[in-house]
């Protein structure tokens, strides 16, 4: 049990209380008013009742301690039972379990708590690797039959665990989707698609399937893009003429900058947005509130951005080389599997040889008779070696190479994002400032010339005002782009676990594979030892000295080996 001096005496704490505290305060910090309200809204109590509970549990302390939250949960449970908010009632629970409030599913409470913490700290990504992985699980499989009367095309079956959907998509559908993603999210990581190829072979098709799966996985596990209607449409629309519907539905949609609440928009821009995008009342936010992107761009952002670019470039170069080594390991294992299969096949051919061999050829030597008999059994064991090696190569490819490829795809998209920022936003901003300078020079010249140029001066003043608005808009875009760059950089670091899991998988798969091969070799040893019975070996060699492989007598003298 626990006690709260002058507030709560006695009463044992239900496990639910501790669960709720660990969810809303993972670092044991005080629970602030905003978090308190959003979490306890799940109770269904009126706002006024929640305010009474907050006042009763020590809000003057600048937030709720663990004890304060426990008391709030107890008062919430009592209020749900129709009892008044009165801390004196809690004194009656001495040596009894405190009442448990109804707050819905614990999993929903966890999601809500995470969301609240992220909203309070928008300059931190706030996602762990596991949380990112749990956003969705994407599968991409080839549809067995090619479609099309004249020009055959390949279809892919795309499955999403988040939306519980399975749809069919062509490669060209992915292309259209990526184009719209770049328009909608120019300041986010958008992976590249694999290239198109005329008359692709089976190996190319398999590699492209893996690449498409990586592409969708990165999008589906992006905290922002994965929540957009465009992404949902791609993974859930099952009607005909998908590309036309996709382009028609999302044609002319504004980019993320125009819809986020982290930008400061002039009033005239707000009105234009309302008029232009009335079809998106729930999707687009056209009023400014809360912190702006400028507020969340640290003073040393350019320095930190430059350092991160350099660090991620080194990371990209090294992981590229790691992937090349891992690919060679896969090829080596595949080669070993192929060699063992060939070895066993040749043993099987020898075992099946029906050529009549008499004593004319063998004399009193029975070696061939015994070898032929044993090769049939031995060939099966070599086939086992081949199967185990082939399975290991697939595990190496999926667990090591694919994870490294996934992280490299992310790093590649980061480089392209940096290029878009530097060649797009910054260049546009500089051009706008230069244009403003030209207008001001023309205005100054027209003003000097006097009354005959008064009309020109008015026109230039209008253009200057318009240009100032554009420059302000571009400055806000620049701040928003820098904020997104910081978030995408943090997203890269959150996915660094991919490198760990790839290395971990390499160690485990190699250890497992070598153990399986070692066990198989151990099983083969007695079979080989029994190929020639001891008496056959003795009878074959009873008249000859033991020979070396080079057909010269072996001298058994200490310290000498021939």
Protein backbone atom coordinates (compact mmCIF):
# COMPACT_ATOMS: atom_id res chain seq x y z
CA UNK A 1 0.00 0.00 0.00
CA UNK A 2 1.02 3.67 -0.17
CA UNK A 3 0.29 6.79 1.81
CA UNK A 4 0.00 10.43 0.80
CA UNK A 5 0.47 12.77 3.72
CA UNK A 6 -2.76 14.68 4.47
CA UNK A 7 -4.10 13.68 1.04
CA UNK A 8 -4.59 9.95 1.02
CA UNK A 9 -4.25 7.42 3.80
CA UNK A 10 -3.99 3.70 3.07
CA UNK A 11 -5.43 1.87 0.12
CA UNK A 12 -3.55 -0.64 -1.99
CA UNK A 13 -2.58 0.37 -5.50
CA UNK A 14 -4.05 -1.69 -8.36
CA UNK A 15 -1.56 -2.77 -11.08
CA UNK A 16 -3.48 -0.52 -13.51
CA UNK A 17 -2.24 2.59 -11.68
CA UNK A 18 1.39 1.60 -12.14
CA UNK A 19 0.78 0.76 -15.80
CA UNK A 20 -0.79 4.16 -16.44
CA UNK A 21 2.05 5.97 -14.67
CA UNK A 22 4.72 4.12 -16.66
CA UNK A 23 2.86 4.98 -19.87
CA UNK A 24 2.37 8.71 -19.24
CA UNK A 25 5.65 9.24 -17.39
CA UNK A 26 8.28 6.84 -18.81
CA UNK A 27 11.12 8.96 -17.40
CA UNK A 28 9.37 9.52 -14.05
CA UNK A 29 8.84 13.21 -14.78
CA UNK A 30 5.83 15.12 -13.44
CA UNK A 31 2.63 14.84 -15.47
CA UNK A 32 1.64 18.27 -16.80
CA UNK A 33 -1.89 19.58 -17.24
CA UNK A 34 -2.04 18.99 -21.01
CA UNK A 35 -1.08 15.34 -20.68
CA UNK A 36 -3.42 14.91 -17.72
CA UNK A 37 -6.42 16.23 -19.66
CA UNK A 38 -5.77 14.26 -22.85
CA UNK A 39 -5.24 11.00 -20.97
CA UNK A 40 -8.20 11.34 -18.62
CA UNK A 41 -10.50 12.41 -21.45
CA UNK A 42 -10.57 8.67 -22.15
CA UNK A 43 -12.66 8.38 -18.97
CA UNK A 44 -15.58 10.15 -20.64
CA UNK A 45 -15.95 12.58 -17.73
CA UNK A 46 -16.98 16.22 -18.40
CA UNK A 47 -14.27 18.85 -18.70
CA UNK A 48 -15.49 20.52 -15.49
CA UNK A 49 -15.08 17.28 -13.53
CA UNK A 50 -11.54 16.82 -14.84
CA UNK A 51 -10.76 20.38 -13.75
CA UNK A 52 -12.03 19.58 -10.23
CA UNK A 53 -9.84 16.48 -10.09
CA UNK A 54 -6.82 18.48 -11.26
CA UNK A 55 -7.43 21.11 -8.56
CA UNK A 56 -7.77 18.39 -5.91
CA UNK A 57 -4.53 16.54 -6.61
CA UNK A 58 -1.93 19.22 -6.11
CA UNK A 59 -1.72 21.17 -9.36
CA UNK A 60 0.20 23.92 -7.52
CA UNK A 61 3.28 21.70 -7.60
CA UNK A 62 3.73 22.30 -11.34
CA UNK A 63 2.46 18.90 -12.38
CA UNK A 64 1.49 15.58 -10.84
CA UNK A 65 3.96 13.31 -9.11
CA UNK A 66 3.42 9.55 -9.10
CA UNK A 67 1.37 9.92 -5.89
CA UNK A 68 -0.67 12.75 -7.37
CA UNK A 69 -1.48 10.72 -10.47
CA UNK A 70 -2.54 7.73 -8.36
CA UNK A 71 -4.90 9.99 -6.44
CA UNK A 72 -6.26 11.44 -9.70
CA UNK A 73 -6.96 7.94 -11.02
CA UNK A 74 -8.79 7.04 -7.82
CA UNK A 75 -10.91 10.20 -7.96
CA UNK A 76 -11.63 9.54 -11.64
CA UNK A 77 -12.90 6.05 -10.84
CA UNK A 78 -15.14 7.42 -8.08
CA UNK A 79 -16.46 10.17 -10.38
CA UNK A 80 -17.33 7.50 -12.97
CA UNK A 81 -19.39 5.83 -10.24
CA UNK A 82 -21.32 9.08 -9.79
CA UNK A 83 -19.62 10.14 -6.57
CA UNK A 84 -18.49 13.73 -5.99
CA UNK A 85 -14.85 14.74 -6.36
CA UNK A 86 -13.83 14.73 -2.71
CA UNK A 87 -10.47 13.49 -1.51
CA UNK A 88 -11.97 12.69 1.92
CA UNK A 89 -13.70 9.68 0.35
CA UNK A 90 -10.30 8.11 -0.32
CA UNK A 91 -9.69 7.81 3.43
CA UNK A 92 -12.39 5.11 3.55
CA UNK A 93 -10.25 2.80 1.42
CA UNK A 94 -7.80 1.95 4.21
CA UNK A 95 -6.51 -1.60 3.62
CA UNK A 96 -8.70 -1.90 0.51
CA UNK A 97 -7.78 -1.76 -3.16
CA UNK A 98 -8.41 1.64 -4.66
CA UNK A 99 -11.07 1.78 -7.41
CA UNK A 100 -9.94 1.32 -11.02
CA UNK A 101 -11.06 3.90 -13.60
CA UNK A 102 -12.23 2.92 -17.05
CA UNK A 103 -9.79 4.43 -19.56
CA UNK A 104 -10.24 2.13 -22.54
CA UNK A 105 -7.62 -0.22 -23.93
CA UNK A 106 -4.10 0.06 -22.54
CA UNK A 107 -2.71 -0.10 -26.10
CA UNK A 108 -4.80 2.95 -27.06
CA UNK A 109 -3.57 4.73 -23.94
CA UNK A 110 0.04 4.03 -24.95
CA UNK A 111 -0.56 5.41 -28.45
CA UNK A 112 -2.23 8.53 -27.07
CA UNK A 113 0.59 9.13 -24.57
CA UNK A 114 3.22 8.81 -27.29
CA UNK A 115 1.26 11.23 -29.49
CA UNK A 116 1.02 13.79 -26.67
CA UNK A 117 4.76 13.61 -25.97
CA UNK A 118 5.54 14.11 -29.66
CA UNK A 119 3.21 17.09 -29.92
CA UNK A 120 4.94 18.68 -26.93
CA UNK A 121 8.38 18.19 -28.50
CA UNK A 122 7.92 18.63 -32.28
CA UNK A 123 11.66 19.14 -32.79
CA UNK A 124 12.29 15.54 -31.68
CA UNK A 125 11.27 12.58 -33.83
CA UNK A 126 10.12 10.60 -30.81
CA UNK A 127 10.11 7.18 -32.51
CA UNK A 128 12.20 4.16 -31.63
CA UNK A 129 13.24 1.63 -34.27
CA UNK A 130 10.69 -0.87 -32.96
CA UNK A 131 7.90 1.72 -33.11
CA UNK A 132 8.81 2.56 -36.71
CA UNK A 133 8.83 -1.12 -37.66
CA UNK A 134 5.41 -1.56 -36.07
CA UNK A 135 3.85 1.19 -38.21
CA UNK A 136 3.28 -1.32 -41.00
CA UNK A 137 4.52 -4.55 -42.51
CA UNK A 138 4.60 -4.59 -46.31
CA UNK A 139 4.75 -7.66 -48.52
CA UNK A 140 5.27 -7.57 -52.28
CA UNK A 141 4.85 -10.77 -54.28
CA UNK A 142 4.84 -11.48 -58.01
CA UNK A 143 1.54 -12.46 -59.57
CA UNK A 144 2.33 -15.72 -61.41
CA UNK A 145 0.76 -14.85 -64.78
CA UNK A 146 1.73 -11.92 -66.99
CA UNK A 147 -1.18 -9.84 -68.29
CA UNK A 148 -1.81 -8.03 -71.56
CA UNK A 149 -2.92 -9.19 -75.00
CA UNK A 150 0.06 -7.92 -76.98
CA UNK A 151 2.48 -6.30 -74.54
CA UNK A 152 2.78 -8.48 -71.47
CA UNK A 153 3.24 -6.76 -68.13
CA UNK A 154 3.97 -7.98 -64.63
CA UNK A 155 1.68 -7.36 -61.68
CA UNK A 156 2.63 -7.27 -58.02
CA UNK A 157 0.49 -8.28 -55.09
CA UNK A 158 0.99 -5.68 -52.35
CA UNK A 159 -0.14 -6.47 -48.80
CA UNK A 160 -0.31 -4.03 -45.88
CA UNK A 161 -0.80 -5.23 -42.31
CA UNK A 162 -1.78 -1.72 -41.16
CA UNK A 163 -4.69 -1.39 -43.57
CA UNK A 164 -5.31 -5.15 -43.75
CA UNK A 165 -5.41 -4.79 -47.50
CA UNK A 166 -4.13 -6.64 -50.55
CA UNK A 167 -4.03 -4.87 -53.91
CA UNK A 168 -2.56 -5.50 -57.36
CA UNK A 169 -0.16 -2.93 -58.76
CA UNK A 170 1.96 -2.58 -61.90
CA UNK A 171 5.42 -1.03 -62.02
CA UNK A 172 3.96 2.03 -63.76
CA UNK A 173 1.59 2.46 -60.79
CA UNK A 174 4.61 2.76 -58.52
CA UNK A 175 6.08 5.39 -60.87
CA UNK A 176 2.91 7.49 -60.76
CA UNK A 177 2.77 7.13 -56.98
CA UNK A 178 6.37 8.25 -56.51
CA UNK A 179 5.82 11.31 -58.74
CA UNK A 180 2.89 12.40 -56.57
CA UNK A 181 4.87 11.74 -53.39
CA UNK A 182 7.64 14.07 -54.58
CA UNK A 183 5.07 16.79 -55.26
CA UNK A 184 3.29 16.29 -51.94
CA UNK A 185 6.38 15.76 -49.75
CA UNK A 186 9.35 17.53 -51.39
CA UNK A 187 11.05 17.95 -47.99
CA UNK A 188 10.86 14.30 -46.93
CA UNK A 189 12.77 11.11 -47.72
CA UNK A 190 11.31 9.68 -50.93
CA UNK A 191 13.18 6.52 -52.03
CA UNK A 192 14.14 5.88 -55.65
CA UNK A 193 12.43 3.21 -57.71
CA UNK A 194 14.32 0.44 -59.51
CA UNK A 195 14.93 1.09 -63.22
CA UNK A 196 12.65 -0.09 -66.01
CA UNK A 197 13.96 -2.72 -68.41
CA UNK A 198 12.65 -4.01 -71.72
CA UNK A 199 12.39 -7.78 -71.76
CA UNK A 200 13.46 -8.34 -68.16
CA UNK A 201 14.83 -11.73 -67.16
CA UNK A 202 13.84 -13.67 -64.05
CA UNK A 203 16.80 -12.43 -62.02
CA UNK A 204 15.99 -8.78 -62.83
CA UNK A 205 12.31 -9.28 -61.98
CA UNK A 206 13.19 -10.79 -58.60
CA UNK A 207 15.61 -7.94 -57.81
CA UNK A 208 12.98 -5.37 -58.81
CA UNK A 209 10.39 -7.03 -56.60
CA UNK A 210 12.73 -6.72 -53.61
CA UNK A 211 13.45 -3.09 -54.47
CA UNK A 212 9.73 -2.26 -54.69
CA UNK A 213 9.18 -3.90 -51.31
CA UNK A 214 11.95 -1.77 -49.81
CA UNK A 215 10.47 1.36 -51.41
CA UNK A 216 7.03 0.75 -49.92
CA UNK A 217 8.43 -0.30 -46.55
CA UNK A 218 10.31 2.99 -46.17
CA UNK A 219 7.19 4.97 -47.11
CA UNK A 220 4.88 2.89 -44.91
CA UNK A 221 7.21 3.34 -41.92
CA UNK A 222 7.62 7.09 -42.34
CA UNK A 223 5.85 8.84 -39.43
CA UNK A 224 4.40 11.61 -41.64
CA UNK A 225 3.93 10.13 -45.11
CA UNK A 226 2.34 6.94 -43.79
CA UNK A 227 -0.57 8.98 -42.37
CA UNK A 228 -1.34 10.78 -45.63
CA UNK A 229 -4.41 10.03 -47.76
CA UNK A 230 -2.22 9.52 -50.82
CA UNK A 231 -0.44 6.61 -49.15
CA UNK A 232 -3.68 5.08 -47.93
CA UNK A 233 -5.14 5.31 -51.44
CA UNK A 234 -2.19 3.46 -52.97
CA UNK A 235 -2.46 0.59 -50.51
CA UNK A 236 -6.24 0.26 -50.39
CA UNK A 237 -7.85 1.24 -53.74
CA UNK A 238 -9.09 -1.90 -55.50
CA UNK A 239 -11.05 -0.45 -58.42
CA UNK A 240 -10.11 -0.45 -62.10
CA UNK A 241 -7.94 2.10 -63.93
CA UNK A 242 -5.86 2.77 -60.84
CA UNK A 243 -3.40 5.27 -62.36
CA UNK A 244 -6.17 7.49 -63.73
CA UNK A 245 -8.01 7.46 -60.40
CA UNK A 246 -4.79 8.18 -58.51
CA UNK A 247 -3.87 11.21 -60.63
CA UNK A 248 -7.44 12.47 -60.77
CA UNK A 249 -7.90 12.24 -56.99
CA UNK A 250 -4.63 13.92 -56.01
CA UNK A 251 -4.08 16.24 -58.96
CA UNK A 252 -3.21 19.75 -57.86
CA UNK A 253 -2.97 18.93 -54.16
CA UNK A 254 -0.77 21.35 -52.20
CA UNK A 255 2.58 20.25 -50.86
CA UNK A 256 3.19 19.60 -47.18
CA UNK A 257 4.42 23.15 -46.54
CA UNK A 258 1.05 24.60 -47.60
CA UNK A 259 -0.89 22.36 -45.21
CA UNK A 260 1.23 22.17 -42.08
CA UNK A 261 0.49 24.21 -38.97
CA UNK A 262 4.21 24.90 -38.53
CA UNK A 263 4.29 27.73 -41.07
CA UNK A 264 3.39 31.38 -40.74
CA UNK A 265 1.06 32.24 -43.62
CA UNK A 266 0.02 35.79 -44.55
CA UNK A 267 -3.71 36.48 -44.34
CA UNK A 268 -4.13 36.70 -48.12
CA UNK A 269 -2.52 33.28 -48.49
CA UNK A 270 -4.94 31.84 -45.93
CA UNK A 271 -7.92 33.10 -47.95
CA UNK A 272 -6.47 31.72 -51.18
CA UNK A 273 -5.96 28.34 -49.57
CA UNK A 274 -9.52 28.26 -48.30
CA UNK A 275 -10.87 29.15 -51.75
CA UNK A 276 -8.59 26.81 -53.68
CA UNK A 277 -8.89 23.70 -51.52
CA UNK A 278 -12.44 23.67 -50.27
CA UNK A 279 -12.62 19.99 -51.17
CA UNK A 280 -10.19 19.17 -48.37
CA UNK A 281 -11.83 20.65 -45.25
CA UNK A 282 -10.58 18.00 -42.84
CA UNK A 283 -7.16 17.50 -44.40
CA UNK A 284 -5.72 20.98 -44.76
CA UNK A 285 -4.92 23.43 -42.03
CA UNK A 286 -4.88 27.00 -43.29
CA UNK A 287 -4.51 28.94 -40.08
CA UNK A 288 -1.35 29.48 -38.13
CA UNK A 289 -1.23 28.41 -34.50
CA UNK A 290 1.36 27.15 -32.05
CA UNK A 291 5.05 27.16 -32.82
CA UNK A 292 6.26 28.02 -36.30
CA UNK A 293 8.96 26.16 -38.20
CA UNK A 294 11.25 29.15 -37.64
CA UNK A 295 10.95 28.65 -33.87
CA UNK A 296 12.15 25.06 -34.23
CA UNK A 297 15.21 25.76 -36.38
CA UNK A 298 18.24 26.11 -34.05
CA UNK A 299 20.74 28.88 -34.70
CA UNK A 300 23.50 26.39 -35.56
CA UNK A 301 21.32 24.36 -37.95
CA UNK A 302 23.55 24.94 -40.99
CA UNK A 303 26.62 23.76 -39.06
CA UNK A 304 24.83 20.68 -37.73
CA UNK A 305 23.37 19.98 -41.17
CA UNK A 306 26.85 20.08 -42.73
CA UNK A 307 28.23 17.74 -40.06
CA UNK A 308 25.36 15.30 -40.55
CA UNK A 309 25.80 15.29 -44.32
CA UNK A 310 29.47 14.43 -43.89
CA UNK A 311 28.72 11.72 -41.32
CA UNK A 312 26.01 10.11 -43.44
CA UNK A 313 28.25 10.24 -46.54
CA UNK A 314 30.90 8.25 -44.66
CA UNK A 315 28.17 5.90 -43.45
CA UNK A 316 26.90 5.43 -47.01
CA UNK A 317 30.37 4.63 -48.38
CA UNK A 318 31.16 2.11 -45.65
CA UNK A 319 27.78 0.36 -45.73
CA UNK A 320 28.04 0.11 -49.52
CA UNK A 321 31.27 -1.84 -49.06
CA UNK A 322 29.74 -3.95 -46.28
CA UNK A 323 26.87 -4.82 -48.61
CA UNK A 324 29.30 -5.81 -51.37
CA UNK A 325 31.08 -8.16 -48.96
CA UNK A 326 27.74 -9.63 -47.84
CA UNK A 327 26.72 -10.17 -51.47
CA UNK A 328 29.99 -12.01 -52.14
CA UNK A 329 29.31 -14.19 -49.10
CA UNK A 330 25.91 -15.07 -50.54
CA UNK A 331 27.48 -15.89 -53.90
CA UNK A 332 30.14 -18.01 -52.19
CA UNK A 333 27.48 -19.97 -50.28
CA UNK A 334 25.45 -20.41 -53.47
CA UNK A 335 28.60 -21.57 -55.27
CA UNK A 336 29.35 -24.07 -52.51
CA UNK A 337 25.77 -25.37 -52.72
CA UNK A 338 26.12 -25.76 -56.48
CA UNK A 339 29.49 -27.51 -56.15
CA UNK A 340 28.20 -29.98 -53.55
CA UNK A 341 25.22 -30.76 -55.77
CA UNK A 342 27.54 -31.42 -58.71
CA UNK A 343 29.81 -33.52 -56.53
CA UNK A 344 26.90 -35.65 -55.37
CA UNK A 345 25.55 -35.92 -58.91
CA UNK A 346 28.86 -37.29 -60.16
CA UNK A 347 28.94 -39.81 -57.31
CA UNK A 348 25.42 -40.86 -58.29
CA UNK A 349 26.52 -41.29 -61.92
CA UNK A 350 29.42 -43.47 -60.80
CA UNK A 351 27.09 -45.51 -58.59
CA UNK A 352 24.74 -46.09 -61.54
CA UNK A 353 27.51 -47.17 -63.95
CA UNK A 354 26.56 -50.55 -65.49
CA UNK A 355 29.74 -51.10 -67.48
CA UNK A 356 30.81 -54.77 -67.02
CA UNK A 357 34.13 -54.94 -65.17
CA UNK A 358 35.84 -58.32 -64.78
CA UNK A 359 38.94 -59.62 -63.02
CA UNK A 360 40.72 -58.99 -66.28
CA UNK A 361 40.70 -55.34 -65.26
CA UNK A 362 40.64 -55.55 -61.48
CA UNK A 363 42.77 -58.57 -60.75
CA UNK A 364 42.16 -59.33 -57.11
CA UNK A 365 41.35 -55.64 -56.29
CA UNK A 366 37.78 -55.11 -54.98
CA UNK A 367 37.99 -51.34 -54.47
CA UNK A 368 35.68 -50.41 -57.35
CA UNK A 369 33.01 -52.83 -56.20
CA UNK A 370 32.92 -51.30 -52.71
CA UNK A 371 33.17 -47.69 -53.89
CA UNK A 372 30.35 -48.09 -56.37
CA UNK A 373 28.15 -49.57 -53.67
CA UNK A 374 28.86 -46.72 -51.23
CA UNK A 375 28.65 -43.83 -53.70
CA UNK A 376 24.88 -44.18 -53.96
CA UNK A 377 24.45 -43.47 -50.23
CA UNK A 378 27.16 -40.82 -50.23
CA UNK A 379 25.55 -38.87 -53.10
CA UNK A 380 22.46 -38.32 -50.93
CA UNK A 381 24.58 -36.77 -48.18
CA UNK A 382 26.20 -34.37 -50.61
CA UNK A 383 22.74 -33.35 -51.80
CA UNK A 384 21.96 -32.57 -48.14
CA UNK A 385 25.06 -30.37 -47.97
CA UNK A 386 23.82 -28.56 -51.07
CA UNK A 387 20.33 -28.04 -49.64
CA UNK A 388 21.63 -26.67 -46.36
CA UNK A 389 24.01 -24.29 -48.13
CA UNK A 390 21.28 -23.12 -50.50
CA UNK A 391 18.98 -22.42 -47.54
CA UNK A 392 21.77 -20.56 -45.77
CA UNK A 393 22.39 -18.36 -48.82
CA UNK A 394 18.71 -17.36 -48.86
CA UNK A 395 18.85 -16.52 -45.15
CA UNK A 396 22.00 -14.45 -45.70
CA UNK A 397 20.37 -12.58 -48.56
CA UNK A 398 17.14 -11.80 -46.68
CA UNK A 399 18.57 -11.09 -43.24
CA UNK A 400 21.83 -9.35 -44.14
CA UNK A 401 21.94 -8.07 -47.73
CA UNK A 402 18.32 -6.86 -47.81
CA UNK A 403 18.65 -4.97 -44.54
CA UNK A 404 21.82 -3.27 -45.73
CA UNK A 405 20.08 -2.46 -49.04
CA UNK A 406 17.12 -1.00 -47.14
CA UNK A 407 19.36 1.30 -45.14
CA UNK A 408 21.30 2.27 -48.27
CA UNK A 409 18.03 3.15 -50.01
CA UNK A 410 17.24 5.45 -47.09
CA UNK A 411 20.69 7.06 -47.20
CA UNK A 412 20.39 7.55 -50.97
CA UNK A 413 17.03 9.28 -50.56
CA UNK A 414 18.62 11.52 -47.90
CA UNK A 415 21.28 12.66 -50.39
CA UNK A 416 18.56 13.48 -52.91
CA UNK A 417 16.62 15.36 -50.22
CA UNK A 418 19.70 17.48 -49.48
CA UNK A 419 20.03 18.23 -53.21
CA UNK A 420 16.37 19.28 -53.41
CA UNK A 421 16.85 21.60 -50.45
CA UNK A 422 20.03 23.22 -51.76
CA UNK A 423 19.09 23.40 -55.45
CA UNK A 424 15.43 24.17 -54.91
CA UNK A 425 14.48 26.21 -51.87
CA UNK A 426 17.77 28.06 -51.42
CA UNK A 427 18.18 28.90 -55.11
CA UNK A 428 14.56 30.09 -55.38
CA UNK A 429 15.07 32.28 -52.31
CA UNK A 430 18.24 33.83 -53.73
CA UNK A 431 16.58 34.49 -57.10
CA UNK A 432 13.62 36.16 -55.37
CA UNK A 433 15.92 38.45 -53.39
CA UNK A 434 17.83 39.36 -56.57
CA UNK A 435 14.54 40.14 -58.32
CA UNK A 436 13.51 42.35 -55.41
CA UNK A 437 16.77 44.28 -55.78
CA UNK A 438 16.06 44.86 -59.48
CA UNK A 439 12.57 46.21 -58.73
CA UNK A 440 13.94 48.60 -56.11
CA UNK A 441 16.58 49.93 -58.53
CA UNK A 442 13.92 50.52 -61.19
CA UNK A 443 11.68 52.26 -58.66
CA UNK A 444 14.52 54.53 -57.55
CA UNK A 445 15.30 55.40 -61.17
CA UNK A 446 11.64 56.13 -61.96
CA UNK A 447 11.27 58.28 -58.82
CA UNK A 448 14.25 60.40 -59.84
CA UNK A 449 12.75 61.01 -63.32
CA UNK A 450 9.75 62.72 -61.73
CA UNK A 451 6.04 63.02 -62.47
CA UNK A 452 6.13 61.50 -65.97
CA UNK A 453 7.08 58.16 -64.42
CA UNK A 454 4.52 58.22 -61.57
CA UNK A 455 2.47 55.41 -63.12
CA UNK A 456 5.60 53.27 -63.40
CA UNK A 457 6.44 53.95 -59.75
CA UNK A 458 3.00 52.72 -58.67
CA UNK A 459 3.41 49.54 -60.71
CA UNK A 460 6.85 48.91 -59.24
CA UNK A 461 5.57 49.48 -55.71
CA UNK A 462 2.89 46.85 -56.33
CA UNK A 463 5.49 44.42 -57.66
CA UNK A 464 7.75 45.09 -54.68
CA UNK A 465 4.92 44.32 -52.26
CA UNK A 466 4.12 41.15 -54.18
CA UNK A 467 7.79 40.19 -54.21
CA UNK A 468 8.11 40.84 -50.47
CA UNK A 469 5.22 38.44 -49.90
CA UNK A 470 6.95 35.83 -52.08
CA UNK A 471 10.23 36.30 -50.22
CA UNK A 472 8.45 35.88 -46.88
CA UNK A 473 6.83 32.73 -48.22
CA UNK A 474 10.19 31.41 -49.43
CA UNK A 475 11.82 32.20 -46.09
CA UNK A 476 9.10 30.22 -44.35
CA UNK A 477 9.62 27.40 -46.85
CA UNK A 478 13.32 27.46 -46.10
CA UNK A 479 12.69 27.21 -42.36
CA UNK A 480 10.19 24.42 -42.89
CA UNK A 481 12.63 22.59 -45.17
CA UNK A 482 15.38 22.89 -42.53
CA UNK A 483 13.01 21.60 -39.85
CA UNK A 484 12.11 18.63 -42.06
CA UNK A 485 15.80 17.98 -42.73
CA UNK A 486 16.38 17.73 -38.99
CA UNK A 487 13.47 15.31 -38.60
CA UNK A 488 14.62 13.19 -41.55
CA UNK A 489 18.15 13.11 -40.13
CA UNK A 490 16.73 11.86 -36.84
CA UNK A 491 14.74 9.30 -38.82
CA UNK A 492 17.98 8.01 -40.34
CA UNK A 493 19.49 7.64 -36.87
CA UNK A 494 16.36 5.89 -35.58
CA UNK A 495 16.83 3.34 -38.38
CA UNK A 496 20.51 2.75 -37.59
CA UNK A 497 19.30 -0.39 -35.83
CA UNK A 498 19.10 -1.85 -39.34
CA UNK A 499 22.90 -1.91 -39.38
CA UNK A 500 22.97 -3.64 -36.00
CA UNK A 501 20.35 -6.22 -37.00
CA UNK A 502 22.21 -6.91 -40.27
CA UNK A 503 25.49 -7.58 -38.43
CA UNK A 504 23.70 -9.57 -35.75
CA UNK A 505 21.96 -11.66 -38.41
CA UNK A 506 25.26 -12.26 -40.20
CA UNK A 507 26.83 -13.67 -37.03
CA UNK A 508 23.84 -15.84 -36.16
CA UNK A 509 23.28 -17.11 -39.72
CA UNK A 510 26.95 -17.92 -40.27
CA UNK A 511 27.17 -19.72 -36.92
CA UNK A 512 23.97 -21.63 -37.66
CA UNK A 513 25.02 -22.46 -41.21
CA UNK A 514 28.50 -23.67 -40.27
CA UNK A 515 27.07 -25.74 -37.41
CA UNK A 516 24.59 -27.43 -39.76
CA UNK A 517 27.33 -28.14 -42.30
CA UNK A 518 29.64 -29.42 -39.57
CA UNK A 519 26.94 -31.79 -38.33
CA UNK A 520 26.36 -33.04 -41.88
CA UNK A 521 30.10 -33.58 -42.43
CA UNK A 522 30.18 -35.55 -39.16
CA UNK A 523 27.36 -37.73 -40.49
CA UNK A 524 29.31 -38.29 -43.71
CA UNK A 525 32.52 -39.39 -41.95
CA UNK A 526 31.36 -42.91 -40.94
CA UNK A 527 29.84 -43.45 -44.40
CA UNK A 528 33.19 -42.65 -46.01
CA UNK A 529 35.05 -44.83 -43.53
CA UNK A 530 32.82 -47.76 -44.50
CA UNK A 531 33.30 -47.35 -48.24
CA UNK A 532 36.18 -49.82 -48.08
CA UNK A 533 35.99 -52.59 -45.47
CA UNK A 534 39.18 -53.10 -43.48
CA UNK A 535 39.83 -56.54 -44.97
CA UNK A 536 39.45 -55.13 -48.48
CA UNK A 537 41.97 -52.42 -47.71
CA UNK A 538 44.39 -54.97 -46.31
CA UNK A 539 43.97 -57.39 -49.20
CA UNK A 540 44.43 -54.65 -51.74
CA UNK A 541 47.63 -53.43 -50.14
CA UNK A 542 49.13 -56.58 -48.56
CA UNK A 543 51.90 -56.93 -51.13
CA UNK A 544 52.80 -53.26 -51.49
CA UNK A 545 54.41 -50.77 -49.16
CA UNK A 546 52.20 -47.86 -48.08
CA UNK A 547 52.49 -45.28 -50.82
CA UNK A 548 52.17 -41.54 -50.74
CA UNK A 549 49.76 -39.83 -53.16
CA UNK A 550 52.79 -39.18 -55.38
CA UNK A 551 53.38 -42.97 -55.69
CA UNK A 552 56.60 -43.08 -53.70
CA UNK A 553 57.06 -45.12 -50.52
CA UNK A 554 56.29 -43.21 -47.35
CA UNK A 555 59.26 -43.03 -45.01
CA UNK A 556 58.09 -43.09 -41.43
CA UNK A 557 60.98 -41.39 -39.68
CA UNK A 558 60.59 -38.92 -36.85
CA UNK A 559 60.71 -35.34 -38.00
CA UNK A 560 60.67 -36.22 -41.70
CA UNK A 561 57.57 -35.98 -43.86
CA UNK A 562 57.57 -36.87 -47.55
